[in-house]
């Protein structure tokens, strides 16, 4: 069985990395808004709506990272491709 180290993948597509970082930064701002809303005594509906936006942004960033890594894995064709594919599939399922 391959070790964890052999089952890793580092995303190389700089455009996709930038898009993921932008989404995470957006989520970070939304999370700050949640804290401000709570401090201001905003309604549960408003706060939960904002929290749902944070959750969606983080999940979308994770799914984007995994799908881009899967794409690179398929194109890469390294000898440990099957092991990396299985690890990425586990990561994907952990978000479901």
PDB file of N, CA and C in Angstrom:
ATOM      1  N   UNK A   1       0.848  -1.180   0.000  1.00  0.00           N
ATOM      2  CA  UNK A   1       0.000   0.000   0.000  1.00  0.00           C
ATOM      3  C   UNK A   1       0.891   1.240   0.000  1.00  0.00           C
ATOM      4  N   UNK A   2       0.530   2.235  -0.783  1.00  0.00           N
ATOM      5  CA  UNK A   2       1.313   3.451  -0.885  1.00  0.00           C
ATOM      6  C   UNK A   2       1.155   4.286   0.369  1.00  0.00           C
ATOM      7  N   UNK A   3       2.186   5.039   0.672  1.00  0.00           N
ATOM      8  CA  UNK A   3       2.119   5.896   1.846  1.00  0.00           C
ATOM      9  C   UNK A   3       1.351   7.166   1.523  1.00  0.00           C
ATOM     10  N   UNK A   4       0.962   7.881   2.578  1.00  0.00           N
ATOM     11  CA  UNK A   4       0.253   9.149   2.420  1.00  0.00           C
ATOM     12  C   UNK A   4       1.066  10.099   1.542  1.00  0.00           C
ATOM     13  N   UNK A   5       2.389  10.126   1.743  1.00  0.00           N
ATOM     14  CA  UNK A   5       3.242  11.027   0.981  1.00  0.00           C
ATOM     15  C   UNK A   5       3.128  10.765  -0.516  1.00  0.00           C
ATOM     16  N   UNK A   6       3.047   9.515  -0.911  1.00  0.00           N
ATOM     17  CA  UNK A   6       2.944   9.165  -2.319  1.00  0.00           C
ATOM     18  C   UNK A   6       1.566   9.467  -2.884  1.00  0.00           C
ATOM     19  N   UNK A   7       0.597   9.698  -2.022  1.00  0.00           N
ATOM     20  CA  UNK A   7      -0.769   9.924  -2.468  1.00  0.00           C
ATOM     21  C   UNK A   7      -1.142  11.404  -2.438  1.00  0.00           C
ATOM     22  N   UNK A   8      -0.161  12.268  -2.497  1.00  0.00           N
ATOM     23  CA  UNK A   8      -0.466  13.690  -2.455  1.00  0.00           C
ATOM     24  C   UNK A   8      -0.371  14.310  -3.836  1.00  0.00           C
ATOM     25  N   UNK A   9      -1.016  15.424  -3.959  1.00  0.00           N
ATOM     26  CA  UNK A   9      -0.959  16.186  -5.206  1.00  0.00           C
ATOM     27  C   UNK A   9      -0.930  17.654  -4.844  1.00  0.00           C
ATOM     28  N   UNK A  10      -0.076  18.414  -5.503  1.00  0.00           N
ATOM     29  CA  UNK A  10      -0.018  19.857  -5.316  1.00  0.00           C
ATOM     30  C   UNK A  10      -0.504  20.494  -6.612  1.00  0.00           C
ATOM     31  N   UNK A  11      -1.555  21.286  -6.508  1.00  0.00           N
ATOM     32  CA  UNK A  11      -2.129  21.930  -7.680  1.00  0.00           C
ATOM     33  C   UNK A  11      -1.101  22.853  -8.313  1.00  0.00           C
ATOM     34  N   UNK A  12      -0.931  22.741  -9.620  1.00  0.00           N
ATOM     35  CA  UNK A  12       0.064  23.533 -10.332  1.00  0.00           C
ATOM     36  C   UNK A  12      -0.542  24.681 -11.135  1.00  0.00           C
ATOM     37  N   UNK A  13      -1.818  24.602 -11.448  1.00  0.00           N
ATOM     38  CA  UNK A  13      -2.485  25.602 -12.282  1.00  0.00           C
ATOM     39  C   UNK A  13      -2.631  26.917 -11.504  1.00  0.00           C
ATOM     40  N   UNK A  14      -1.804  27.891 -11.832  1.00  0.00           N
ATOM     41  CA  UNK A  14      -1.774  29.147 -11.089  1.00  0.00           C
ATOM     42  C   UNK A  14      -3.083  29.921 -11.195  1.00  0.00           C
ATOM     43  N   UNK A  15      -3.763  29.839 -12.320  1.00  0.00           N
ATOM     44  CA  UNK A  15      -5.044  30.535 -12.479  1.00  0.00           C
ATOM     45  C   UNK A  15      -6.093  29.938 -11.542  1.00  0.00           C
ATOM     46  N   UNK A  16      -6.110  28.624 -11.438  1.00  0.00           N
ATOM     47  CA  UNK A  16      -7.066  27.969 -10.545  1.00  0.00           C
ATOM     48  C   UNK A  16      -6.720  28.235  -9.082  1.00  0.00           C
ATOM     49  N   UNK A  17      -5.431  28.264  -8.775  1.00  0.00           N
ATOM     50  CA  UNK A  17      -5.007  28.591  -7.407  1.00  0.00           C
ATOM     51  C   UNK A  17      -5.471  29.998  -7.057  1.00  0.00           C
ATOM     52  N   UNK A  18      -5.299  30.941  -7.977  1.00  0.00           N
ATOM     53  CA  UNK A  18      -5.721  32.329  -7.735  1.00  0.00           C
ATOM     54  C   UNK A  18      -7.227  32.406  -7.524  1.00  0.00           C
ATOM     55  N   UNK A  19      -7.989  31.644  -8.308  1.00  0.00           N
ATOM     56  CA  UNK A  19      -9.448  31.641  -8.164  1.00  0.00           C
ATOM     57  C   UNK A  19      -9.858  31.060  -6.810  1.00  0.00           C
ATOM     58  N   UNK A  20      -9.175  30.019  -6.389  1.00  0.00           N
ATOM     59  CA  UNK A  20      -9.482  29.403  -5.088  1.00  0.00           C
ATOM     60  C   UNK A  20      -9.146  30.368  -3.956  1.00  0.00           C
ATOM     61  N   UNK A  21      -8.006  31.023  -4.045  1.00  0.00           N
ATOM     62  CA  UNK A  21      -7.612  31.996  -3.025  1.00  0.00           C
ATOM     63  C   UNK A  21      -8.619  33.146  -2.972  1.00  0.00           C
ATOM     64  N   UNK A  22      -9.070  33.610  -4.129  1.00  0.00           N
ATOM     65  CA  UNK A  22     -10.060  34.696  -4.162  1.00  0.00           C
ATOM     66  C   UNK A  22     -11.346  34.265  -3.471  1.00  0.00           C
ATOM     67  N   UNK A  23     -11.760  33.030  -3.706  1.00  0.00           N
ATOM     68  CA  UNK A  23     -12.988  32.529  -3.077  1.00  0.00           C
ATOM     69  C   UNK A  23     -12.808  32.407  -1.561  1.00  0.00           C
ATOM     70  N   UNK A  24     -11.651  31.947  -1.126  1.00  0.00           N
ATOM     71  CA  UNK A  24     -11.375  31.838   0.309  1.00  0.00           C
ATOM     72  C   UNK A  24     -11.335  33.217   0.957  1.00  0.00           C
ATOM     73  N   UNK A  25     -10.730  34.180   0.277  1.00  0.00           N
ATOM     74  CA  UNK A  25     -10.698  35.549   0.803  1.00  0.00           C
ATOM     75  C   UNK A  25     -12.112  36.123   0.920  1.00  0.00           C
ATOM     76  N   UNK A  26     -12.952  35.814  -0.058  1.00  0.00           N
ATOM     77  CA  UNK A  26     -14.343  36.253  -0.012  1.00  0.00           C
ATOM     78  C   UNK A  26     -15.052  35.613   1.183  1.00  0.00           C
ATOM     79  N   UNK A  27     -14.831  34.337   1.378  1.00  0.00           N
ATOM     80  CA  UNK A  27     -15.440  33.632   2.516  1.00  0.00           C
ATOM     81  C   UNK A  27     -14.957  34.219   3.834  1.00  0.00           C
ATOM     82  N   UNK A  28     -13.694  34.580   3.882  1.00  0.00           N
ATOM     83  CA  UNK A  28     -13.132  35.181   5.091  1.00  0.00           C
ATOM     84  C   UNK A  28     -13.836  36.501   5.402  1.00  0.00           C
ATOM     85  N   UNK A  29     -14.085  37.289   4.382  1.00  0.00           N
ATOM     86  CA  UNK A  29     -14.815  38.535   4.567  1.00  0.00           C
ATOM     87  C   UNK A  29     -16.247  38.290   5.019  1.00  0.00           C
ATOM     88  N   UNK A  30     -16.878  37.278   4.432  1.00  0.00           N
ATOM     89  CA  UNK A  30     -18.245  36.938   4.829  1.00  0.00           C
ATOM     90  C   UNK A  30     -18.292  36.476   6.284  1.00  0.00           C
ATOM     91  N   UNK A  31     -17.286  35.732   6.704  1.00  0.00           N
ATOM     92  CA  UNK A  31     -17.239  35.261   8.084  1.00  0.00           C
ATOM     93  C   UNK A  31     -17.081  36.438   9.047  1.00  0.00           C
ATOM     94  N   UNK A  32     -16.280  37.411   8.665  1.00  0.00           N
ATOM     95  CA  UNK A  32     -16.164  38.630   9.463  1.00  0.00           C
ATOM     96  C   UNK A  32     -17.504  39.347   9.562  1.00  0.00           C
ATOM     97  N   UNK A  33     -18.255  39.328   8.476  1.00  0.00           N
ATOM     98  CA  UNK A  33     -19.586  39.944   8.483  1.00  0.00           C
ATOM     99  C   UNK A  33     -20.510  39.223   9.456  1.00  0.00           C
ATOM    100  N   UNK A  34     -20.375  37.909   9.557  1.00  0.00           N
ATOM    101  CA  UNK A  34     -21.190  37.142  10.507  1.00  0.00           C
ATOM    102  C   UNK A  34     -20.912  37.627  11.929  1.00  0.00           C
ATOM    103  N   UNK A  35     -19.654  37.783  12.274  1.00  0.00           N
ATOM    104  CA  UNK A  35     -19.291  38.249  13.622  1.00  0.00           C
ATOM    105  C   UNK A  35     -19.865  39.643  13.877  1.00  0.00           C
ATOM    106  N   UNK A  36     -19.748  40.533  12.887  1.00  0.00           N
ATOM    107  CA  UNK A  36     -20.301  41.885  13.042  1.00  0.00           C
ATOM    108  C   UNK A  36     -21.818  41.841  13.215  1.00  0.00           C
ATOM    109  N   UNK A  37     -22.468  40.996  12.432  1.00  0.00           N
ATOM    110  CA  UNK A  37     -23.928  40.878  12.514  1.00  0.00           C
ATOM    111  C   UNK A  37     -24.355  40.403  13.898  1.00  0.00           C
ATOM    112  N   UNK A  38     -23.610  39.458  14.449  1.00  0.00           N
ATOM    113  CA  UNK A  38     -23.925  38.973  15.798  1.00  0.00           C
ATOM    114  C   UNK A  38     -23.721  40.084  16.830  1.00  0.00           C
ATOM    115  N   UNK A  39     -22.623  40.831  16.689  1.00  0.00           N
ATOM    116  CA  UNK A  39     -22.358  41.949  17.597  1.00  0.00           C
ATOM    117  C   UNK A  39     -23.452  43.014  17.517  1.00  0.00           C
ATOM    118  N   UNK A  40     -23.985  43.200  16.327  1.00  0.00           N
ATOM    119  CA  UNK A  40     -25.016  44.214  16.109  1.00  0.00           C
ATOM    120  C   UNK A  40     -26.406  43.740  16.519  1.00  0.00           C
ATOM    121  N   UNK A  41     -26.530  42.459  16.866  1.00  0.00           N
ATOM    122  CA  UNK A  41     -27.830  41.934  17.257  1.00  0.00           C
ATOM    123  C   UNK A  41     -28.779  41.707  16.091  1.00  0.00           C
ATOM    124  N   UNK A  42     -28.223  41.376  14.933  1.00  0.00           N
ATOM    125  CA  UNK A  42     -29.048  41.135  13.744  1.00  0.00           C
ATOM    126  C   UNK A  42     -29.863  39.861  13.920  1.00  0.00           C
ATOM    127  N   UNK A  43     -30.890  39.726  13.105  1.00  0.00           N
ATOM    128  CA  UNK A  43     -31.808  38.587  13.228  1.00  0.00           C
ATOM    129  C   UNK A  43     -31.124  37.272  12.868  1.00  0.00           C
ATOM    130  N   UNK A  44     -31.655  36.202  13.454  1.00  0.00           N
ATOM    131  CA  UNK A  44     -31.127  34.859  13.174  1.00  0.00           C
ATOM    132  C   UNK A  44     -31.190  34.563  11.681  1.00  0.00           C
ATOM    133  N   UNK A  45     -32.273  34.971  11.034  1.00  0.00           N
ATOM    134  CA  UNK A  45     -32.421  34.725   9.593  1.00  0.00           C
ATOM    135  C   UNK A  45     -31.262  35.328   8.807  1.00  0.00           C
ATOM    136  N   UNK A  46     -30.944  36.584   9.127  1.00  0.00           N
ATOM    137  CA  UNK A  46     -29.868  37.262   8.413  1.00  0.00           C
ATOM    138  C   UNK A  46     -28.518  36.599   8.678  1.00  0.00           C
ATOM    139  N   UNK A  47     -28.273  36.263   9.929  1.00  0.00           N
ATOM    140  CA  UNK A  47     -26.988  35.659  10.305  1.00  0.00           C
ATOM    141  C   UNK A  47     -26.831  34.291   9.655  1.00  0.00           C
ATOM    142  N   UNK A  48     -27.876  33.484   9.737  1.00  0.00           N
ATOM    143  CA  UNK A  48     -27.796  32.142   9.149  1.00  0.00           C
ATOM    144  C   UNK A  48     -27.647  32.223   7.635  1.00  0.00           C
ATOM    145  N   UNK A  49     -28.316  33.168   7.015  1.00  0.00           N
ATOM    146  CA  UNK A  49     -28.174  33.350   5.561  1.00  0.00           C
ATOM    147  C   UNK A  49     -26.712  33.650   5.208  1.00  0.00           C
ATOM    148  N   UNK A  50     -26.083  34.524   5.996  1.00  0.00           N
ATOM    149  CA  UNK A  50     -24.677  34.855   5.759  1.00  0.00           C
ATOM    150  C   UNK A  50     -23.776  33.649   6.032  1.00  0.00           C
ATOM    151  N   UNK A  51     -24.086  32.889   7.082  1.00  0.00           N
ATOM    152  CA  UNK A  51     -23.290  31.688   7.394  1.00  0.00           C
ATOM    153  C   UNK A  51     -23.402  30.661   6.264  1.00  0.00           C
ATOM    154  N   UNK A  52     -24.580  30.550   5.671  1.00  0.00           N
ATOM    155  CA  UNK A  52     -24.752  29.636   4.540  1.00  0.00           C
ATOM    156  C   UNK A  52     -23.886  30.074   3.362  1.00  0.00           C
ATOM    157  N   UNK A  53     -23.774  31.382   3.158  1.00  0.00           N
ATOM    158  CA  UNK A  53     -22.918  31.899   2.083  1.00  0.00           C
ATOM    159  C   UNK A  53     -21.457  31.551   2.347  1.00  0.00           C
ATOM    160  N   UNK A  54     -21.021  31.663   3.599  1.00  0.00           N
ATOM    161  CA  UNK A  54     -19.650  31.303   3.972  1.00  0.00           C
ATOM    162  C   UNK A  54     -19.403  29.822   3.676  1.00  0.00           C
ATOM    163  N   UNK A  55     -20.340  28.994   4.116  1.00  0.00           N
ATOM    164  CA  UNK A  55     -20.213  27.551   3.921  1.00  0.00           C
ATOM    165  C   UNK A  55     -20.133  27.198   2.438  1.00  0.00           C
ATOM    166  N   UNK A  56     -20.985  27.804   1.645  1.00  0.00           N
ATOM    167  CA  UNK A  56     -20.992  27.532   0.202  1.00  0.00           C
ATOM    168  C   UNK A  56     -19.673  27.965  -0.439  1.00  0.00           C
ATOM    169  N   UNK A  57     -19.163  29.123  -0.032  1.00  0.00           N
ATOM    170  CA  UNK A  57     -17.904  29.609  -0.602  1.00  0.00           C
ATOM    171  C   UNK A  57     -16.744  28.679  -0.267  1.00  0.00           C
ATOM    172  N   UNK A  58     -16.685  28.219   0.981  1.00  0.00           N
ATOM    173  CA  UNK A  58     -15.602  27.320   1.394  1.00  0.00           C
ATOM    174  C   UNK A  58     -15.726  25.976   0.667  1.00  0.00           C
ATOM    175  N   UNK A  59     -16.942  25.434   0.605  1.00  0.00           N
ATOM    176  CA  UNK A  59     -17.139  24.159  -0.088  1.00  0.00           C
ATOM    177  C   UNK A  59     -16.822  24.270  -1.573  1.00  0.00           C
ATOM    178  N   UNK A  60     -17.218  25.366  -2.193  1.00  0.00           N
ATOM    179  CA  UNK A  60     -16.911  25.556  -3.614  1.00  0.00           C
ATOM    180  C   UNK A  60     -15.403  25.625  -3.830  1.00  0.00           C
ATOM    181  N   UNK A  61     -14.694  26.297  -2.938  1.00  0.00           N
ATOM    182  CA  UNK A  61     -13.232  26.354  -3.048  1.00  0.00           C
ATOM    183  C   UNK A  61     -12.631  24.957  -2.933  1.00  0.00           C
ATOM    184  N   UNK A  62     -13.131  24.168  -1.991  1.00  0.00           N
ATOM    185  CA  UNK A  62     -12.618  22.803  -1.810  1.00  0.00           C
ATOM    186  C   UNK A  62     -12.925  21.936  -3.023  1.00  0.00           C
ATOM    187  N   UNK A  63     -14.142  22.010  -3.527  1.00  0.00           N
ATOM    188  CA  UNK A  63     -14.502  21.220  -4.708  1.00  0.00           C
ATOM    189  C   UNK A  63     -13.679  21.641  -5.923  1.00  0.00           C
ATOM    190  N   UNK A  64     -13.436  22.930  -6.053  1.00  0.00           N
ATOM    191  CA  UNK A  64     -12.616  23.422  -7.161  1.00  0.00           C
ATOM    192  C   UNK A  64     -11.195  22.885  -7.054  1.00  0.00           C
ATOM    193  N   UNK A  65     -10.650  22.900  -5.850  1.00  0.00           N
ATOM    194  CA  UNK A  65      -9.298  22.371  -5.634  1.00  0.00           C
ATOM    195  C   UNK A  65      -9.223  20.891  -5.992  1.00  0.00           C
ATOM    196  N   UNK A  66     -10.193  20.137  -5.533  1.00  0.00           N
ATOM    197  CA  UNK A  66     -10.185  18.698  -5.795  1.00  0.00           C
ATOM    198  C   UNK A  66     -10.370  18.416  -7.286  1.00  0.00           C
ATOM    199  N   UNK A  67     -11.334  19.085  -7.923  1.00  0.00           N
ATOM    200  CA  UNK A  67     -11.583  18.809  -9.341  1.00  0.00           C
ATOM    201  C   UNK A  67     -10.401  19.211 -10.210  1.00  0.00           C
ATOM    202  N   UNK A  68      -9.759  20.330  -9.880  1.00  0.00           N
ATOM    203  CA  UNK A  68      -8.581  20.747 -10.639  1.00  0.00           C
ATOM    204  C   UNK A  68      -7.435  19.762 -10.436  1.00  0.00           C
ATOM    205  N   UNK A  69      -7.306  19.260  -9.225  1.00  0.00           N
ATOM    206  CA  UNK A  69      -6.268  18.262  -8.951  1.00  0.00           C
ATOM    207  C   UNK A  69      -6.547  16.961  -9.682  1.00  0.00           C
ATOM    208  N   UNK A  70      -7.803  16.554  -9.729  1.00  0.00           N
ATOM    209  CA  UNK A  70      -8.166  15.341 -10.483  1.00  0.00           C
ATOM    210  C   UNK A  70      -7.834  15.508 -11.962  1.00  0.00           C
ATOM    211  N   UNK A  71      -8.140  16.671 -12.489  1.00  0.00           N
ATOM    212  CA  UNK A  71      -7.840  16.950 -13.893  1.00  0.00           C
ATOM    213  C   UNK A  71      -6.339  16.834 -14.156  1.00  0.00           C
ATOM    214  N   UNK A  72      -5.541  17.464 -13.288  1.00  0.00           N
ATOM    215  CA  UNK A  72      -4.088  17.376 -13.447  1.00  0.00           C
ATOM    216  C   UNK A  72      -3.594  15.950 -13.284  1.00  0.00           C
ATOM    217  N   UNK A  73      -4.206  15.220 -12.382  1.00  0.00           N
ATOM    218  CA  UNK A  73      -3.812  13.832 -12.141  1.00  0.00           C
ATOM    219  C   UNK A  73      -4.024  12.991 -13.398  1.00  0.00           C
ATOM    220  N   UNK A  74      -5.137  13.215 -14.062  1.00  0.00           N
ATOM    221  CA  UNK A  74      -5.432  12.465 -15.284  1.00  0.00           C
ATOM    222  C   UNK A  74      -4.447  12.793 -16.398  1.00  0.00           C
ATOM    223  N   UNK A  75      -4.094  14.060 -16.496  1.00  0.00           N
ATOM    224  CA  UNK A  75      -3.185  14.511 -17.544  1.00  0.00           C
ATOM    225  C   UNK A  75      -1.752  14.111 -17.237  1.00  0.00           C
ATOM    226  N   UNK A  76      -1.398  14.155 -15.950  1.00  0.00           N
ATOM    227  CA  UNK A  76      -0.026  13.916 -15.502  1.00  0.00           C
ATOM    228  C   UNK A  76       0.477  12.525 -15.875  1.00  0.00           C
ATOM    229  N   UNK A  77      -0.298  11.507 -15.574  1.00  0.00           N
ATOM    230  CA  UNK A  77       0.075  10.147 -15.918  1.00  0.00           C
ATOM    231  C   UNK A  77       1.245   9.579 -15.130  1.00  0.00           C
ATOM    232  N   UNK A  78       1.490  10.062 -13.914  1.00  0.00           N
ATOM    233  CA  UNK A  78       2.576   9.516 -13.100  1.00  0.00           C
ATOM    234  C   UNK A  78       2.247   8.091 -12.676  1.00  0.00           C
ATOM    235  N   UNK A  79       3.246   7.389 -12.212  1.00  0.00           N
ATOM    236  CA  UNK A  79       3.065   5.993 -11.831  1.00  0.00           C
ATOM    237  C   UNK A  79       2.144   5.821 -10.629  1.00  0.00           C
ATOM    238  N   UNK A  80       2.036   6.844  -9.773  1.00  0.00           N
ATOM    239  CA  UNK A  80       1.172   6.741  -8.599  1.00  0.00           C
ATOM    240  C   UNK A  80      -0.214   7.355  -8.851  1.00  0.00           C
ATOM    241  N   UNK A  81      -0.561   7.497 -10.112  1.00  0.00           N
ATOM    242  CA  UNK A  81      -1.814   8.147 -10.499  1.00  0.00           C
ATOM    243  C   UNK A  81      -3.024   7.520  -9.817  1.00  0.00           C
ATOM    244  N   UNK A  82      -3.102   6.200  -9.756  1.00  0.00           N
ATOM    245  CA  UNK A  82      -4.249   5.523  -9.150  1.00  0.00           C
ATOM    246  C   UNK A  82      -4.351   5.845  -7.659  1.00  0.00           C
ATOM    247  N   UNK A  83      -3.228   5.868  -6.964  1.00  0.00           N
ATOM    248  CA  UNK A  83      -3.206   6.157  -5.531  1.00  0.00           C
ATOM    249  C   UNK A  83      -3.642   7.606  -5.288  1.00  0.00           C
ATOM    250  N   UNK A  84      -3.135   8.538  -6.093  1.00  0.00           N
ATOM    251  CA  UNK A  84      -3.511   9.945  -5.953  1.00  0.00           C
ATOM    252  C   UNK A  84      -4.994  10.103  -6.249  1.00  0.00           C
ATOM    253  N   UNK A  85      -5.474   9.454  -7.302  1.00  0.00           N
ATOM    254  CA  UNK A  85      -6.887   9.508  -7.671  1.00  0.00           C
ATOM    255  C   UNK A  85      -7.757   9.040  -6.494  1.00  0.00           C
ATOM    256  N   UNK A  86      -7.383   7.942  -5.876  1.00  0.00           N
ATOM    257  CA  UNK A  86      -8.157   7.410  -4.748  1.00  0.00           C
ATOM    258  C   UNK A  86      -8.147   8.383  -3.570  1.00  0.00           C
ATOM    259  N   UNK A  87      -7.013   9.011  -3.303  1.00  0.00           N
ATOM    260  CA  UNK A  87      -6.917   9.980  -2.216  1.00  0.00           C
ATOM    261  C   UNK A  87      -7.804  11.191  -2.501  1.00  0.00           C
ATOM    262  N   UNK A  88      -7.781  11.683  -3.732  1.00  0.00           N
ATOM    263  CA  UNK A  88      -8.608  12.829  -4.095  1.00  0.00           C
ATOM    264  C   UNK A  88     -10.096  12.469  -4.016  1.00  0.00           C
ATOM    265  N   UNK A  89     -10.419  11.242  -4.378  1.00  0.00           N
ATOM    266  CA  UNK A  89     -11.806  10.791  -4.268  1.00  0.00           C
ATOM    267  C   UNK A  89     -12.235  10.780  -2.797  1.00  0.00           C
ATOM    268  N   UNK A  90     -11.365  10.327  -1.908  1.00  0.00           N
ATOM    269  CA  UNK A  90     -11.666  10.343  -0.468  1.00  0.00           C
ATOM    270  C   UNK A  90     -11.891  11.771   0.021  1.00  0.00           C
ATOM    271  N   UNK A  91     -11.065  12.693  -0.440  1.00  0.00           N
ATOM    272  CA  UNK A  91     -11.236  14.097  -0.064  1.00  0.00           C
ATOM    273  C   UNK A  91     -12.581  14.627  -0.542  1.00  0.00           C
ATOM    274  N   UNK A  92     -12.917  14.298  -1.775  1.00  0.00           N
ATOM    275  CA  UNK A  92     -14.211  14.719  -2.332  1.00  0.00           C
ATOM    276  C   UNK A  92     -15.354  14.175  -1.491  1.00  0.00           C
ATOM    277  N   UNK A  93     -15.294  12.916  -1.159  1.00  0.00           N
ATOM    278  CA  UNK A  93     -16.371  12.310  -0.370  1.00  0.00           C
ATOM    279  C   UNK A  93     -16.435  12.869   1.046  1.00  0.00           C
ATOM    280  N   UNK A  94     -15.320  13.331   1.570  1.00  0.00           N
ATOM    281  CA  UNK A  94     -15.331  13.916   2.915  1.00  0.00           C
ATOM    282  C   UNK A  94     -16.136  15.220   2.953  1.00  0.00           C
ATOM    283  N   UNK A  95     -16.321  15.846   1.812  1.00  0.00           N
ATOM    284  CA  UNK A  95     -17.113  17.076   1.748  1.00  0.00           C
ATOM    285  C   UNK A  95     -18.600  16.819   1.560  1.00  0.00           C
ATOM    286  N   UNK A  96     -18.934  15.599   1.178  1.00  0.00           N
ATOM    287  CA  UNK A  96     -20.349  15.290   0.882  1.00  0.00           C
ATOM    288  C   UNK A  96     -21.166  15.146   2.146  1.00  0.00           C
TER     289      UNK A  96
END
